[in-house]
Amino acid sequence: MESPSEQQEREFLRAQNTELATLAGGLAHEIRNPLSTIGMNLELLAEDLEGDETPRARRMIRRIASLQVECRNLEDILNAFLQFARAGELRLEEGNLNDVVSDYVEFLEPQAGSMEVELRTHLDSDLPLVMIDKALMRQALVNLCRNAIEAMPDGGSVDLLTRVRGDVVLLEVIDTGKGMDEKTRSRMFQAFFSTRSGGSGLGLPTVRRIVEAHHGQIVCESEPGKGTRFSIMLPIGSKPDGAVHGGIVGS
């Protein structure tokens, strides 16, 4: 049972989440409109230059292509920011974490196979049900598995395990990739921190935001050259305080 002060803090955090999501939606609208106009005009400029083989035209086409790449990068960053901002809004329902993992692995297998990455699942058949937002938990898996695959450019394996540990359901994502040093691990959950060129730096912060909104915890173990293990722990039992079945609740 929450104390009055804890309830007050929970309400404050919920209001913060709602405000952040609203601001993010407004920001997305204000940026997407001019960004769309810029992209459309770049396409028209490229069409106007089609067939012109002069050195000047070729230089302009290369510059237009470069600007189009940057526009797509901005769109990706904007989408990542929206995911981050809305990650604290939960639509909770009782569910089995195994179903989320199995569905996503089935979807990911063709892409992983094309990159010589083997996906292996080890799912506890007696896993208890938990209150989860299935869409957001899938998004957390997307971000973790994307990072894992990118850490294995020459192929490898990703193991996804579920089991019970005490009063929590545990989900582990383990890769055989290049791993991370202590400095990177200490900053990986900071917004906009990325070691990858072109990365938004919001993938792992979004994962943590999703997990913590579920009253869960995420930890990472990693060493250079020895791969990485992410462990997500979700509480077994009643839904987070203040949540309404099928409704929205903030972190």
Protein backbone atom coordinates (compact mmCIF):
# COMPACT_ATOMS: atom_id res chain seq x y z
CA MET A 1 0.00 0.00 0.00
CA GLU A 2 1.43 3.35 -1.05
CA SER A 3 1.74 6.14 1.49
CA PRO A 4 0.11 9.53 0.68
CA SER A 5 3.52 10.96 -0.26
CA GLU A 6 4.22 8.04 -2.61
CA GLN A 7 0.80 8.44 -4.21
CA GLN A 8 1.48 12.14 -4.68
CA GLU A 9 4.82 11.40 -6.32
CA ARG A 10 3.19 8.81 -8.58
CA GLU A 11 0.57 11.35 -9.68
CA PHE A 12 3.29 13.93 -10.32
CA LEU A 13 5.28 11.49 -12.48
CA ARG A 14 2.13 10.52 -14.37
CA ALA A 15 1.38 14.17 -15.09
CA GLN A 16 4.97 14.69 -16.24
CA ASN A 17 4.66 11.77 -18.65
CA THR A 18 1.43 13.13 -20.09
CA GLU A 19 2.96 16.57 -20.54
CA LEU A 20 6.09 15.13 -22.18
CA ALA A 21 4.03 13.03 -24.60
CA THR A 22 1.89 16.06 -25.49
CA LEU A 23 4.96 18.25 -26.07
CA ALA A 24 6.56 15.51 -28.17
CA GLY A 25 3.47 15.24 -30.35
CA GLY A 26 3.41 19.01 -30.89
CA LEU A 27 7.13 19.08 -31.63
CA ALA A 28 6.77 16.24 -34.13
CA HIS A 29 4.02 18.14 -35.96
CA GLU A 30 6.05 21.37 -36.06
CA ILE A 31 9.16 19.59 -37.41
CA ARG A 32 7.51 17.10 -39.78
CA ASN A 33 5.67 19.70 -41.84
CA PRO A 34 8.73 21.75 -42.92
CA LEU A 35 10.81 18.56 -43.15
CA SER A 36 8.26 17.08 -45.56
CA THR A 37 8.32 20.28 -47.62
CA ILE A 38 12.12 20.22 -47.79
CA GLY A 39 12.09 16.57 -48.87
CA MET A 40 9.51 17.19 -51.55
CA ASN A 41 11.45 20.13 -53.00
CA LEU A 42 14.67 18.12 -53.02
CA GLU A 43 12.90 15.43 -55.05
CA LEU A 44 11.67 18.06 -57.52
CA LEU A 45 15.17 19.51 -57.85
CA ALA A 46 16.59 16.05 -58.50
CA GLU A 47 13.95 15.45 -61.19
CA ASP A 48 14.79 18.77 -62.86
CA LEU A 49 18.43 17.72 -63.12
CA GLU A 50 17.74 14.28 -64.57
CA GLY A 51 19.53 13.78 -67.87
CA ASP A 52 21.84 16.74 -67.36
CA GLU A 53 25.37 15.30 -67.51
CA THR A 54 27.27 18.55 -67.02
CA PRO A 55 29.79 18.61 -64.15
CA ARG A 56 27.76 21.32 -62.42
CA ALA A 57 24.57 19.27 -62.57
CA ARG A 58 26.36 16.15 -61.30
CA ARG A 59 27.70 18.13 -58.32
CA MET A 60 24.23 19.44 -57.54
CA ILE A 61 22.72 15.95 -57.70
CA ARG A 62 25.33 14.66 -55.24
CA ARG A 63 24.57 17.52 -52.86
CA ILE A 64 20.82 16.92 -53.15
CA ALA A 65 21.32 13.22 -52.39
CA SER A 66 23.35 14.16 -49.31
CA LEU A 67 20.59 16.48 -48.10
CA GLN A 68 18.00 13.75 -48.65
CA VAL A 69 20.03 11.40 -46.46
CA GLU A 70 20.14 14.03 -43.70
CA CYS A 71 16.37 14.54 -43.96
CA ARG A 72 15.83 10.81 -43.48
CA ASN A 73 18.19 10.88 -40.48
CA LEU A 74 16.18 13.70 -38.94
CA GLU A 75 12.97 11.74 -39.49
CA ASP A 76 14.52 8.70 -37.75
CA ILE A 77 15.63 10.83 -34.79
CA LEU A 78 12.17 12.37 -34.54
CA ASN A 79 10.52 8.94 -34.52
CA ALA A 80 12.97 7.73 -31.87
CA PHE A 81 12.21 10.77 -29.71
CA LEU A 82 8.47 10.13 -29.99
CA GLN A 83 8.99 6.52 -28.90
CA PHE A 84 11.07 7.72 -25.95
CA ALA A 85 8.50 10.34 -24.92
CA ARG A 86 5.57 7.92 -25.11
CA ALA A 87 7.36 4.97 -23.51
CA GLY A 88 5.97 5.88 -20.09
CA GLU A 89 2.34 5.56 -21.22
CA LEU A 90 1.11 2.04 -20.53
CA ARG A 91 -1.92 0.18 -21.81
CA LEU A 92 -1.77 -2.70 -19.40
CA GLU A 93 -3.23 -6.16 -19.76
CA GLU A 94 -2.49 -9.49 -18.19
CA GLY A 95 -0.19 -11.46 -20.44
CA ASN A 96 2.59 -13.99 -20.81
CA LEU A 97 6.00 -12.53 -21.62
CA ASN A 98 6.78 -15.70 -23.59
CA ASP A 99 4.15 -14.72 -26.18
CA VAL A 100 5.80 -11.34 -26.75
CA VAL A 101 9.21 -12.96 -27.16
CA SER A 102 8.00 -15.77 -29.45
CA ASP A 103 6.05 -13.43 -31.73
CA TYR A 104 8.96 -11.04 -32.13
CA VAL A 105 11.56 -13.77 -32.70
CA GLU A 106 9.39 -15.25 -35.46
CA PHE A 107 9.27 -11.82 -37.10
CA LEU A 108 13.02 -11.18 -36.67
CA GLU A 109 14.36 -14.55 -37.82
CA PRO A 110 14.53 -13.79 -41.58
CA GLN A 111 16.51 -10.59 -41.00
CA ALA A 112 18.78 -12.21 -38.42
CA GLY A 113 19.41 -15.18 -40.70
CA SER A 114 20.41 -12.91 -43.57
CA MET A 115 23.06 -11.41 -41.27
CA GLU A 116 24.27 -14.84 -40.08
CA VAL A 117 22.89 -14.29 -36.60
CA GLU A 118 21.24 -17.28 -34.91
CA LEU A 119 18.29 -16.57 -32.62
CA ARG A 120 17.78 -19.06 -29.79
CA THR A 121 14.94 -19.05 -27.27
CA HIS A 122 14.87 -20.71 -23.85
CA LEU A 123 11.41 -19.96 -22.45
CA ASP A 124 10.10 -21.13 -19.08
CA SER A 125 6.91 -23.11 -19.80
CA ASP A 126 5.54 -22.29 -16.32
CA LEU A 127 6.09 -18.54 -16.55
CA PRO A 128 3.46 -16.67 -14.49
CA LEU A 129 1.36 -13.94 -16.05
CA VAL A 130 2.32 -10.30 -15.54
CA MET A 131 0.67 -6.95 -16.22
CA ILE A 132 2.34 -5.63 -19.37
CA ASP A 133 1.87 -3.32 -22.31
CA LYS A 134 2.62 -5.83 -25.07
CA ALA A 135 3.31 -3.21 -27.75
CA LEU A 136 5.81 -1.33 -25.59
CA MET A 137 7.48 -4.51 -24.36
CA ARG A 138 7.88 -5.57 -28.00
CA GLN A 139 9.47 -2.18 -28.70
CA ALA A 140 11.94 -2.82 -25.88
CA LEU A 141 12.83 -6.15 -27.51
CA VAL A 142 13.21 -4.46 -30.90
CA ASN A 143 15.75 -2.02 -29.49
CA LEU A 144 17.70 -4.65 -27.55
CA CYS A 145 17.85 -7.12 -30.44
CA ARG A 146 18.78 -4.40 -32.93
CA ASN A 147 21.71 -3.42 -30.72
CA ALA A 148 22.72 -7.07 -30.36
CA ILE A 149 22.69 -7.72 -34.10
CA GLU A 150 24.61 -4.52 -34.84
CA ALA A 151 27.26 -5.65 -32.34
CA MET A 152 27.86 -8.79 -34.46
CA PRO A 153 28.75 -7.59 -37.99
CA ASP A 154 30.38 -10.96 -38.72
CA GLY A 155 27.50 -13.01 -37.33
CA GLY A 156 26.94 -14.72 -33.99
CA SER A 157 24.02 -15.65 -31.78
CA VAL A 158 21.36 -14.01 -29.63
CA ASP A 159 19.79 -16.00 -26.80
CA LEU A 160 16.46 -14.91 -25.33
CA LEU A 161 15.59 -16.52 -21.99
CA THR A 162 12.65 -16.22 -19.63
CA ARG A 163 12.41 -17.61 -16.10
CA VAL A 164 11.21 -16.83 -12.62
CA ARG A 165 13.57 -15.40 -10.02
CA GLY A 166 11.95 -14.89 -6.64
CA ASP A 167 9.02 -12.49 -7.09
CA VAL A 168 9.96 -11.31 -10.60
CA VAL A 169 9.78 -12.61 -14.14
CA LEU A 170 13.19 -12.37 -15.76
CA LEU A 171 13.86 -11.78 -19.46
CA GLU A 172 17.47 -11.98 -20.65
CA VAL A 173 18.86 -10.98 -24.05
CA ILE A 174 22.41 -12.31 -24.50
CA ASP A 175 24.59 -11.74 -27.55
CA THR A 176 28.05 -12.90 -28.60
CA GLY A 177 29.01 -9.50 -29.97
CA LYS A 178 31.90 -7.15 -29.34
CA GLY A 179 30.72 -6.10 -25.88
CA MET A 180 31.14 -2.76 -24.14
CA ASP A 181 33.74 -1.24 -21.87
CA GLU A 182 32.90 0.24 -18.47
CA LYS A 183 32.78 3.83 -19.77
CA THR A 184 30.22 2.94 -22.44
CA ARG A 185 28.12 0.92 -19.97
CA SER A 186 28.03 3.86 -17.57
CA ARG A 187 26.54 6.13 -20.25
CA MET A 188 24.44 3.78 -22.41
CA PHE A 189 21.13 4.78 -20.78
CA GLN A 190 21.80 8.50 -21.22
CA ALA A 191 19.55 10.12 -23.82
CA PHE A 192 21.32 10.92 -27.12
CA PHE A 193 24.48 9.02 -26.20
CA SER A 194 25.49 6.69 -29.03
CA THR A 195 28.66 4.92 -30.13
CA ARG A 196 27.19 4.23 -33.56
CA SER A 197 27.46 6.75 -36.39
CA GLY A 198 23.97 7.94 -37.26
CA GLY A 199 22.43 6.45 -34.12
CA SER A 200 19.78 8.49 -32.30
CA GLY A 201 21.09 7.57 -28.85
CA LEU A 202 17.50 6.96 -27.68
CA GLY A 203 17.16 3.19 -28.12
CA LEU A 204 18.43 2.04 -24.73
CA PRO A 205 17.00 5.03 -22.80
CA THR A 206 13.62 4.10 -24.32
CA VAL A 207 14.04 0.49 -23.17
CA ARG A 208 14.81 1.63 -19.61
CA ARG A 209 11.87 4.02 -19.65
CA ILE A 210 9.53 1.20 -20.75
CA VAL A 211 10.84 -1.20 -18.10
CA GLU A 212 10.70 1.31 -15.28
CA ALA A 213 7.15 2.31 -16.27
CA HIS A 214 6.27 -1.35 -15.58
CA HIS A 215 7.87 -0.99 -12.11
CA GLY A 216 10.64 -3.20 -13.40
CA GLN A 217 14.41 -3.02 -13.55
CA ILE A 218 16.99 -3.48 -16.30
CA VAL A 219 20.66 -4.27 -15.77
CA CYS A 220 23.53 -4.90 -18.17
CA GLU A 221 26.62 -7.08 -17.97
CA SER A 222 29.21 -6.69 -20.71
CA GLU A 223 32.93 -6.92 -21.40
CA PRO A 224 34.85 -6.06 -24.56
CA GLY A 225 35.12 -9.17 -26.71
CA LYS A 226 32.80 -11.21 -24.48
CA GLY A 227 29.34 -10.13 -25.55
CA THR A 228 26.52 -8.45 -23.64
CA ARG A 229 23.69 -9.61 -21.38
CA PHE A 230 20.66 -7.42 -20.69
CA SER A 231 18.36 -8.61 -17.89
CA ILE A 232 14.83 -7.23 -17.52
CA MET A 233 12.97 -7.96 -14.28
CA LEU A 234 9.20 -7.44 -14.09
CA PRO A 235 7.20 -7.82 -10.87
CA ILE A 236 4.82 -10.75 -10.52
CA GLY A 237 1.41 -10.01 -9.06
CA SER A 238 -0.88 -7.03 -9.11
CA LYS A 239 -0.71 -4.28 -11.67
CA PRO A 240 1.28 -1.11 -10.91
CA ASP A 241 -0.47 1.24 -8.47
CA GLY A 242 -2.90 3.61 -10.14
CA ALA A 243 -3.15 1.57 -13.34
CA VAL A 244 -6.49 0.77 -14.87
CA HIS A 245 -6.92 -2.39 -16.91
CA GLY A 246 -6.63 -1.33 -20.53
CA GLY A 247 -5.94 2.26 -19.52
CA ILE A 248 -2.90 4.53 -19.56
CA VAL A 249 -0.57 5.01 -16.66
CA GLY A 250 2.66 6.97 -16.43
CA SER A 251 6.03 5.92 -15.11
